Amino acid sequence: MAGIYIHIPFCKQACHYCNFHFTTSLLYKSDYLKALIAEMKLQKDFFQGEKIETIYFGGGSPSLLEADEIKILTEHIHNNFYVDNLLEVTLEANPDDLTTQKIKALKTTAINRFSIGVQSFFDEDLIWMNRVHNSSQADSAIKTAQDAGFENITIDLIYGTPTLTDLNWKKNLAKAIDLKVPHISAYGLTVEEKTPLHKLIAKHQKENVDEIKLESQMMQLMETLMNKGFEHYEISNFAKPNHHAIHNTNYWKGKKYLGLGASAHSYNGNERSWNVSNNNQYIEAILKGELIAEKEVLTTQEKFNEWLMTGLRTQWGCDLQEGEQKFELNWIKQLLQEATPYIEQKKIKFDNKKLTLTNKGKLIADKIISDLMMVK
């Protein structure tokens, strides 16, 4: 199973916390779409005939695309790759874009799943983040999509912002549950360098992240959703049974994927590559028939660290029997030895030769993973 990611780097305005590649100008949108189609032709042999079963339109704000533009892009995917029985075609969408008319048009495309960037159901949080939409648009977008027959919906929520109280976080989760959304991606606020948020905090114009509050709200998140029948199948992702994100799950399981567009990443099992993060350079090179990307061939040690990182982030954990087949036996023995203190602290569970994080361990997942990684 393989997947294709398409990066659409256009937004109406910049969210203060975002560090993804985007522009607020639509000036070269038409040329960019032509370049995407040209890149598909250049990369048609990437999968060597392996079947494509998922497509993911990410960004940016892919919901700025018109339905006809999505149809053209998916048609060219079918023309250049082996596509049969697409299981999941996801469109990331901002609530303000999902009007009744837009959703009706999207119903005629291959899109069968929405990832809606709600972030919060409270206006004070959305204003603090510099989001375009308001809380009523978030509520309306979900209900309108459901009324149109889109049942496979995930929403993004952000916790740990200075404006979000514990009570309102509880209400955010209750609202998502009440709306019967089958998948929730929830992210603790992080301050990335070079973002507007990072600069505003440095100038003391915005409050920094409160780590104690962040930890408390994450624990509330896990307890609330798991008590309501959601599976915490990845650190930031919760799903009702049979509603896991197929495309993203394949990332965590090490499946192949091709990224199309400026800044998009690809992985073929042995090599990672990433396109230039500049729209004009990307367009110019691709329309000349040139791929403009950097590449790295993964060493065995890097593959081990990725296996460890992606495994521990998920409910499936790291299967040491699988690890013994892929890597040197002494590496697995060393991993288990270094994990022992965390097992004793009940931050890692060791059962049936698998290492998985407990809720307590998930609170410090990055530290645990860093400590367990193989270093030169």
Protein backbone atom coordinates (compact mmCIF):
# COMPACT_ATOMS: atom_id res chain seq x y z
CA MET A 1 0.00 0.00 0.00
CA ALA A 2 1.34 3.44 -0.96
CA GLY A 3 0.13 7.00 -0.69
CA ILE A 4 0.48 10.36 -2.40
CA TYR A 5 0.68 13.66 -0.53
CA ILE A 6 -0.02 16.88 -2.44
CA HIS A 7 1.13 20.13 -0.84
CA ILE A 8 -1.05 23.17 -1.55
CA PRO A 9 0.94 26.12 -0.13
CA PHE A 10 -1.74 28.82 -0.19
CA CYS A 11 -3.49 30.45 2.77
CA LYS A 12 -5.73 33.46 3.32
CA GLN A 13 -3.58 34.63 6.23
CA ALA A 14 -0.78 33.36 8.46
CA CYS A 15 -1.64 31.58 11.70
CA HIS A 16 0.83 32.75 14.33
CA TYR A 17 1.98 29.26 15.35
CA CYS A 18 2.35 27.71 11.87
CA ASN A 19 5.78 26.71 10.53
CA PHE A 20 4.61 24.90 7.38
CA HIS A 21 5.54 26.22 3.94
CA PHE A 22 2.83 28.56 2.61
CA THR A 23 2.14 31.91 1.01
CA THR A 24 -0.81 34.28 1.36
CA SER A 25 -0.62 35.21 -2.33
CA LEU A 26 -2.62 33.26 -4.93
CA LEU A 27 -0.83 35.00 -7.79
CA TYR A 28 0.91 31.86 -9.09
CA LYS A 29 -1.74 29.31 -8.16
CA SER A 30 -2.45 28.34 -11.80
CA ASP A 31 1.25 27.85 -12.59
CA TYR A 32 1.71 25.87 -9.39
CA LEU A 33 -1.07 23.44 -10.33
CA LYS A 34 0.51 22.97 -13.76
CA ALA A 35 3.79 22.18 -12.02
CA LEU A 36 2.09 19.59 -9.80
CA ILE A 37 0.80 17.81 -12.90
CA ALA A 38 4.23 18.00 -14.51
CA GLU A 39 5.85 16.56 -11.37
CA MET A 40 3.45 13.61 -11.46
CA LYS A 41 4.75 12.77 -14.92
CA LEU A 42 8.35 13.12 -13.77
CA GLN A 43 7.69 10.85 -10.77
CA LYS A 44 5.47 8.27 -12.46
CA ASP A 45 7.98 5.46 -11.82
CA PHE A 46 8.50 6.32 -8.14
CA PHE A 47 6.39 3.41 -6.85
CA GLN A 48 7.51 0.94 -9.53
CA GLY A 49 3.95 -0.22 -10.10
CA GLU A 50 2.91 -0.43 -6.43
CA LYS A 51 -0.76 0.38 -5.91
CA ILE A 52 -1.85 3.80 -4.61
CA GLU A 53 -4.61 3.57 -2.02
CA THR A 54 -4.54 6.98 -0.32
CA ILE A 55 -4.27 10.59 -1.44
CA TYR A 56 -3.84 13.48 0.98
CA PHE A 57 -4.26 17.15 0.05
CA GLY A 58 -2.35 19.08 2.71
CA GLY A 59 -1.03 22.58 3.14
CA GLY A 60 -1.39 25.43 3.48
CA SER A 61 -5.11 25.51 2.88
CA PRO A 62 -6.07 22.95 0.20
CA SER A 63 -9.72 23.94 0.69
CA LEU A 64 -8.86 27.04 -1.39
CA LEU A 65 -8.82 24.70 -4.40
CA GLU A 66 -11.92 24.59 -6.55
CA ALA A 67 -13.66 21.24 -7.04
CA ASP A 68 -12.68 21.22 -10.73
CA GLU A 69 -9.02 21.72 -9.80
CA ILE A 70 -9.16 18.74 -7.44
CA LYS A 71 -10.75 16.66 -10.19
CA ILE A 72 -7.96 17.57 -12.61
CA LEU A 73 -5.24 16.68 -10.09
CA THR A 74 -6.82 13.34 -9.19
CA GLU A 75 -7.35 12.55 -12.88
CA HIS A 76 -3.64 13.01 -13.51
CA ILE A 77 -2.80 10.80 -10.52
CA HIS A 78 -4.88 8.08 -12.15
CA ASN A 79 -3.10 8.69 -15.47
CA ASN A 80 0.41 8.43 -14.02
CA PHE A 81 0.15 5.88 -11.21
CA TYR A 82 -1.46 2.53 -10.52
CA VAL A 83 -4.64 3.51 -8.70
CA ASP A 84 -7.26 0.95 -7.74
CA ASN A 85 -9.97 1.24 -5.12
CA LEU A 86 -8.82 4.37 -3.31
CA LEU A 87 -9.48 3.81 0.38
CA GLU A 88 -9.03 7.38 1.53
CA VAL A 89 -8.80 10.78 -0.15
CA THR A 90 -8.38 13.49 2.46
CA LEU A 91 -8.74 17.25 2.07
CA GLU A 92 -7.45 19.53 4.79
CA ALA A 93 -9.99 22.33 5.10
CA ASN A 94 -10.51 25.56 6.97
CA PRO A 95 -14.03 25.93 8.40
CA ASP A 96 -14.64 29.25 6.61
CA ASP A 97 -14.07 27.54 3.24
CA LEU A 98 -16.61 24.78 3.85
CA THR A 99 -19.76 26.58 2.81
CA THR A 100 -22.83 24.62 1.74
CA GLN A 101 -22.07 25.39 -1.91
CA LYS A 102 -18.39 24.38 -1.59
CA ILE A 103 -19.20 21.11 0.16
CA LYS A 104 -21.81 20.28 -2.48
CA ALA A 105 -19.17 20.81 -5.17
CA LEU A 106 -16.58 18.72 -3.28
CA LYS A 107 -19.10 15.89 -3.11
CA THR A 108 -18.60 15.46 -6.88
CA THR A 109 -14.85 14.88 -6.43
CA ALA A 110 -12.87 11.91 -5.12
CA ILE A 111 -12.66 13.51 -1.65
CA ASN A 112 -14.15 11.14 0.95
CA ARG A 113 -12.59 12.54 4.12
CA PHE A 114 -12.23 16.01 5.60
CA SER A 115 -9.54 17.14 8.03
CA ILE A 116 -11.06 20.34 9.41
CA GLY A 117 -8.79 22.83 11.16
CA VAL A 118 -11.10 23.79 13.99
CA GLN A 119 -8.35 24.37 16.62
CA SER A 120 -10.91 25.66 19.15
CA PHE A 121 -14.63 26.33 19.53
CA PHE A 122 -13.87 29.57 21.40
CA ASP A 123 -13.31 32.85 19.58
CA GLU A 124 -10.74 34.17 22.07
CA ASP A 125 -8.46 31.22 21.25
CA LEU A 126 -8.94 31.64 17.49
CA ILE A 127 -8.16 35.35 17.67
CA TRP A 128 -5.02 34.62 19.71
CA MET A 129 -3.89 32.12 17.03
CA ASN A 130 -4.77 34.57 14.21
CA ARG A 131 -7.14 32.08 12.61
CA VAL A 132 -9.41 33.28 9.78
CA HIS A 133 -12.57 31.52 10.96
CA ASN A 134 -14.70 31.97 14.05
CA SER A 135 -16.31 29.44 16.38
CA SER A 136 -19.72 29.48 14.71
CA GLN A 137 -18.10 28.69 11.33
CA ALA A 138 -16.31 25.73 12.92
CA ASP A 139 -19.57 24.32 14.23
CA SER A 140 -21.37 24.98 10.94
CA ALA A 141 -18.66 23.44 8.76
CA ILE A 142 -18.80 20.12 10.61
CA LYS A 143 -22.60 19.92 10.60
CA THR A 144 -22.88 20.97 6.96
CA ALA A 145 -20.32 18.36 5.89
CA GLN A 146 -22.16 15.67 7.86
CA ASP A 147 -25.51 16.71 6.36
CA ALA A 148 -23.95 16.37 2.89
CA GLY A 149 -22.99 12.77 3.65
CA PHE A 150 -19.35 13.18 4.73
CA GLU A 151 -19.13 10.87 7.73
CA ASN A 152 -15.35 10.38 7.71
CA ILE A 153 -14.27 13.61 9.38
CA THR A 154 -11.35 14.50 11.60
CA ILE A 155 -10.92 17.82 13.36
CA ASP A 156 -7.74 19.46 14.68
CA LEU A 157 -7.70 20.94 18.17
CA ILE A 158 -4.89 22.82 19.91
CA TYR A 159 -4.41 22.88 23.67
CA GLY A 160 -2.00 24.73 25.92
CA THR A 161 -2.64 28.23 24.54
CA PRO A 162 -2.59 31.00 27.15
CA THR A 163 -6.24 31.86 26.41
CA LEU A 164 -7.52 28.28 26.83
CA THR A 165 -8.70 27.54 30.36
CA ASP A 166 -9.04 23.99 31.64
CA LEU A 167 -12.82 24.47 31.70
CA ASN A 168 -12.94 25.60 28.07
CA TRP A 169 -10.66 22.73 27.05
CA LYS A 170 -13.15 20.38 28.68
CA LYS A 171 -15.93 22.11 26.72
CA ASN A 172 -13.95 21.83 23.47
CA LEU A 173 -13.67 18.07 23.94
CA ALA A 174 -17.34 17.77 24.93
CA LYS A 175 -18.33 19.73 21.82
CA ALA A 176 -16.29 17.46 19.53
CA ILE A 177 -17.82 14.37 21.16
CA ASP A 178 -21.33 15.83 20.90
CA LEU A 179 -20.79 16.49 17.17
CA LYS A 180 -20.03 12.78 16.76
CA VAL A 181 -16.72 13.42 15.01
CA PRO A 182 -15.05 9.97 14.68
CA HIS A 183 -11.45 11.20 14.65
CA ILE A 184 -9.70 13.95 16.60
CA SER A 185 -6.14 15.18 16.17
CA ALA A 186 -5.08 17.21 19.21
CA TYR A 187 -1.78 19.04 19.45
CA GLY A 188 -0.09 20.70 22.37
CA LEU A 189 1.00 24.19 21.41
CA THR A 190 4.66 24.33 20.42
CA VAL A 191 6.59 27.48 19.64
CA GLU A 192 8.58 26.92 16.47
CA GLU A 193 11.46 29.19 15.52
CA LYS A 194 10.88 31.79 12.78
CA THR A 195 7.10 31.75 13.31
CA PRO A 196 5.21 34.96 14.17
CA LEU A 197 4.41 33.42 17.56
CA HIS A 198 8.11 32.89 18.34
CA LYS A 199 8.85 36.52 17.47
CA LEU A 200 5.89 37.85 19.47
CA ILE A 201 6.92 35.88 22.55
CA ALA A 202 10.50 37.11 22.20
CA LYS A 203 9.16 40.67 22.18
CA HIS A 204 6.98 39.89 25.23
CA GLN A 205 3.89 40.67 23.18
CA LYS A 206 2.44 37.20 23.75
CA GLU A 207 2.65 34.84 26.69
CA ASN A 208 4.84 31.74 26.40
CA VAL A 209 3.62 28.16 26.80
CA ASP A 210 2.91 27.00 30.36
CA GLU A 211 4.33 23.46 30.45
CA ILE A 212 2.36 22.50 33.58
CA LYS A 213 -0.89 23.60 31.94
CA LEU A 214 0.09 21.79 28.74
CA GLU A 215 0.67 18.54 30.64
CA SER A 216 -2.59 18.88 32.59
CA GLN A 217 -4.65 19.46 29.45
CA MET A 218 -2.98 16.54 27.66
CA MET A 219 -3.89 14.24 30.53
CA GLN A 220 -7.45 15.56 30.44
CA LEU A 221 -7.50 14.93 26.68
CA MET A 222 -6.40 11.30 27.01
CA GLU A 223 -8.74 10.46 29.88
CA THR A 224 -11.79 12.14 28.32
CA LEU A 225 -11.53 10.67 24.83
CA MET A 226 -10.51 7.18 25.90
CA ASN A 227 -13.48 7.10 28.30
CA LYS A 228 -15.71 7.95 25.33
CA GLY A 229 -14.54 5.02 23.22
CA PHE A 230 -11.74 6.68 21.25
CA GLU A 231 -8.54 4.73 20.67
CA HIS A 232 -5.39 6.72 21.40
CA TYR A 233 -3.56 5.15 18.50
CA GLU A 234 -0.86 7.82 18.05
CA ILE A 235 0.40 10.52 20.39
CA SER A 236 -1.70 13.25 18.78
CA ASN A 237 -4.48 11.14 17.27
CA PHE A 238 -7.65 9.59 18.63
CA ALA A 239 -10.18 7.59 16.65
CA LYS A 240 -13.34 5.61 17.06
CA PRO A 241 -12.91 1.97 15.91
CA ASN A 242 -12.37 1.65 12.15
CA HIS A 243 -11.72 5.38 11.76
CA HIS A 244 -7.93 5.54 11.96
CA ALA A 245 -6.36 7.90 9.42
CA ILE A 246 -5.12 5.39 6.84
CA HIS A 247 -2.72 7.74 5.05
CA ASN A 248 -1.04 9.01 8.22
CA THR A 249 -0.96 5.57 9.81
CA ASN A 250 1.06 4.37 6.83
CA TYR A 251 3.64 7.08 7.59
CA TRP A 252 4.05 5.69 11.11
CA LYS A 253 4.26 2.14 9.80
CA GLY A 254 7.04 2.98 7.36
CA LYS A 255 5.07 2.60 4.12
CA LYS A 256 6.16 4.33 0.91
CA TYR A 257 4.77 7.74 0.04
CA LEU A 258 5.36 10.35 -2.64
CA GLY A 259 5.15 14.04 -1.81
CA LEU A 260 4.26 16.39 -4.65
CA GLY A 261 4.68 20.15 -4.49
CA ALA A 262 7.00 22.69 -2.91
CA SER A 263 8.47 21.46 0.43
CA ALA A 264 6.78 18.04 0.09
CA HIS A 265 8.66 15.00 1.46
CA SER A 266 8.88 11.51 -0.03
CA TYR A 267 10.05 8.10 1.23
CA ASN A 268 10.71 4.96 -0.81
CA GLY A 269 11.82 2.62 1.97
CA ASN A 270 15.53 3.46 1.81
CA GLU A 271 15.74 7.10 0.82
CA ARG A 272 14.06 10.32 1.90
CA SER A 273 13.77 13.36 -0.32
CA TRP A 274 12.21 16.78 0.02
CA ASN A 275 11.36 19.38 -2.58
CA VAL A 276 12.61 22.95 -2.41
CA SER A 277 10.55 25.17 -0.11
CA ASN A 278 10.16 27.97 -2.62
CA ASN A 279 7.16 28.13 -4.92
CA ASN A 280 8.83 30.06 -7.75
CA GLN A 281 11.92 27.85 -7.78
CA TYR A 282 9.74 24.75 -7.68
CA ILE A 283 7.52 25.91 -10.54
CA GLU A 284 10.42 27.04 -12.72
CA ALA A 285 12.39 23.80 -12.31
CA ILE A 286 9.48 21.37 -12.68
CA LEU A 287 8.11 23.09 -15.79
CA LYS A 288 11.60 22.68 -17.29
CA GLY A 289 11.39 18.96 -16.57
CA GLU A 290 13.77 19.05 -13.61
CA LEU A 291 13.17 17.65 -10.13
CA ILE A 292 14.48 20.06 -7.51
CA ALA A 293 14.89 18.11 -4.29
CA GLU A 294 17.44 17.12 -1.69
CA LYS A 295 17.94 13.46 -0.81
CA GLU A 296 19.41 11.32 1.92
CA VAL A 297 19.98 7.57 1.97
CA LEU A 298 19.09 6.26 5.41
CA THR A 299 21.74 4.32 7.30
CA THR A 300 20.77 1.23 9.29
CA GLN A 301 21.12 3.27 12.46
CA GLU A 302 18.77 5.97 11.12
CA LYS A 303 16.24 3.30 10.16
CA PHE A 304 16.48 1.88 13.68
CA ASN A 305 15.84 5.30 15.22
CA GLU A 306 12.87 5.92 12.94
CA TRP A 307 11.46 2.47 13.76
CA LEU A 308 11.84 3.32 17.45
CA MET A 309 10.35 6.80 17.17
CA THR A 310 7.34 5.93 15.04
CA GLY A 311 6.68 2.75 17.01
CA LEU A 312 6.67 4.38 20.43
CA ARG A 313 4.37 7.15 19.20
CA THR A 314 1.68 4.58 18.39
CA GLN A 315 -0.49 2.11 20.27
CA TRP A 316 1.28 -0.73 18.46
CA GLY A 317 4.59 0.18 20.04
CA CYS A 318 7.95 -1.37 19.17
CA ASP A 319 7.74 -5.11 18.55
CA LEU A 320 11.14 -6.40 19.63
CA GLN A 321 10.71 -9.62 17.66
CA GLU A 322 10.25 -7.52 14.53
CA GLY A 323 13.26 -5.44 15.60
CA GLU A 324 15.41 -8.55 15.91
CA GLN A 325 14.62 -9.43 12.29
CA LYS A 326 15.44 -5.94 11.01
CA PHE A 327 18.43 -4.95 13.12
CA GLU A 328 21.38 -6.32 15.05
CA LEU A 329 20.37 -8.42 18.04
CA ASN A 330 22.64 -6.50 20.40
CA TRP A 331 20.85 -3.24 19.44
CA ILE A 332 17.55 -4.70 20.62
CA LYS A 333 19.14 -5.98 23.82
CA GLN A 334 20.60 -2.52 24.45
CA LEU A 335 17.21 -0.90 23.75
CA LEU A 336 15.51 -3.12 26.30
CA GLN A 337 18.23 -2.43 28.84
CA GLU A 338 17.93 1.34 28.41
CA ALA A 339 14.13 1.14 28.52
CA THR A 340 14.18 -0.74 31.86
CA PRO A 341 14.21 2.38 34.11
CA TYR A 342 11.15 3.72 32.25
CA ILE A 343 9.46 0.32 32.58
CA GLU A 344 10.09 0.39 36.34
CA GLN A 345 8.67 3.93 36.50
CA LYS A 346 5.56 2.68 34.64
CA LYS A 347 6.18 5.09 31.77
CA ILE A 348 6.77 2.22 29.35
CA LYS A 349 4.81 -1.01 29.32
CA PHE A 350 6.70 -4.17 28.33
CA ASP A 351 4.36 -6.95 27.37
CA ASN A 352 4.54 -9.77 24.84
CA LYS A 353 7.95 -8.51 23.70
CA LYS A 354 6.51 -5.09 22.84
CA LEU A 355 7.39 -1.68 24.24
CA THR A 356 4.52 0.82 24.42
CA LEU A 357 4.19 4.14 26.21
CA THR A 358 1.76 4.41 29.12
CA ASN A 359 -0.30 7.58 29.58
CA LYS A 360 2.34 8.71 32.06
CA GLY A 361 5.03 8.07 29.48
CA LYS A 362 3.15 9.87 26.72
CA LEU A 363 3.51 13.09 28.69
CA ILE A 364 7.28 12.94 28.13
CA ALA A 365 7.31 10.95 24.89
CA ASP A 366 9.92 13.12 23.16
CA LYS A 367 12.36 12.75 26.06
CA ILE A 368 11.91 8.99 26.27
CA ILE A 369 12.38 8.52 22.54
CA SER A 370 15.46 10.75 22.56
CA ASP A 371 16.96 8.81 25.46
CA LEU A 372 16.42 5.46 23.73
CA MET A 373 17.71 6.39 20.30
CA MET A 374 20.91 4.85 19.04
CA VAL A 375 23.72 7.42 18.95
CA LYS A 376 27.04 7.18 17.15
